[in-house]
Protein backbone atom coordinates (compact mmCIF):
# COMPACT_ATOMS: atom_id res chain seq x y z
CA MET A 1 0.00 0.00 0.00
CA ALA A 2 1.31 3.44 -0.90
CA LYS A 3 1.69 5.95 1.90
CA ALA A 4 1.07 9.67 1.70
CA ASN A 5 4.17 11.75 2.14
CA ASN A 6 4.32 14.82 4.37
CA GLN A 7 3.19 16.95 1.44
CA GLY A 8 -0.09 15.03 0.99
CA LEU A 9 -1.54 13.45 -2.13
CA ARG A 10 -1.62 15.56 -5.28
CA PRO A 11 -4.65 15.84 -7.61
CA GLY A 12 -4.42 13.17 -10.32
CA GLN A 13 -2.56 10.67 -8.11
CA SER A 14 -4.21 7.30 -7.56
CA ALA A 15 -5.92 6.96 -4.19
CA PRO A 16 -4.06 4.39 -2.05
CA ARG A 17 -7.27 3.46 -0.15
CA SER A 18 -10.99 3.98 -0.62
CA GLY A 19 -12.55 6.63 1.59
CA GLN A 20 -13.10 10.32 2.25
CA TYR A 21 -10.25 12.61 1.21
CA GLN A 22 -10.11 16.18 2.50
CA GLN A 23 -8.65 19.01 0.47
CA VAL A 24 -5.78 20.71 2.30
CA GLY A 25 -4.61 24.22 1.49
CA PRO A 26 -0.94 25.21 1.16
CA ARG A 27 -0.89 26.47 4.76
CA GLY A 28 -2.63 23.39 6.18
CA GLY A 29 -6.25 24.54 6.35
CA GLY A 30 -8.88 21.89 5.62
CA GLY A 31 -11.46 22.16 2.87
CA ALA A 32 -14.17 20.06 1.27
CA GLU A 33 -14.15 16.27 1.34
CA ARG A 34 -14.43 13.97 -1.67
CA THR A 35 -15.20 10.25 -1.78
CA VAL A 36 -12.63 8.37 -3.85
CA ALA A 37 -12.30 4.62 -4.53
CA ARG A 38 -8.90 2.91 -4.28
CA GLY A 39 -6.96 3.20 -7.52
CA GLU A 40 -9.05 6.08 -8.88
CA PRO A 41 -7.37 9.45 -9.52
CA LEU A 42 -7.95 12.21 -6.99
CA PRO A 43 -10.05 15.02 -8.50
CA PRO A 44 -8.74 18.50 -9.33
CA THR A 45 -8.65 21.07 -6.52
CA PRO A 46 -10.22 24.53 -6.78
CA LYS A 47 -6.90 26.34 -6.20
CA PRO A 48 -3.25 25.61 -7.03
CA ASN A 49 -0.95 23.97 -4.46
CA MET A 50 -3.77 22.14 -2.67
CA THR A 51 -3.38 18.48 -1.75
CA TYR A 52 -5.52 15.71 -0.25
CA ARG A 53 -5.33 13.66 2.93
CA LEU A 54 -7.31 10.57 3.88
CA VAL A 55 -9.62 11.44 6.80
CA ASP A 56 -12.11 8.54 6.83
CA PRO A 57 -11.07 5.25 5.21
CA THR A 58 -13.75 2.83 4.05
CA LYS A 59 -14.20 0.13 6.67
CA HIS A 60 -14.99 -2.82 4.40
């Protein structure tokens, strides 16, 4: 399983796990959440330099 680095997951990267991914701003503020299935690309973010972090993995 791939792990997120300290910089977070970039838009377009494949999701390492299924679940809810939160958008994170360049200074660390949280944004909207998106549901992404494992292996699917993470969607574009509304602003440049935003990343994603897994906040609620799918339990099954």
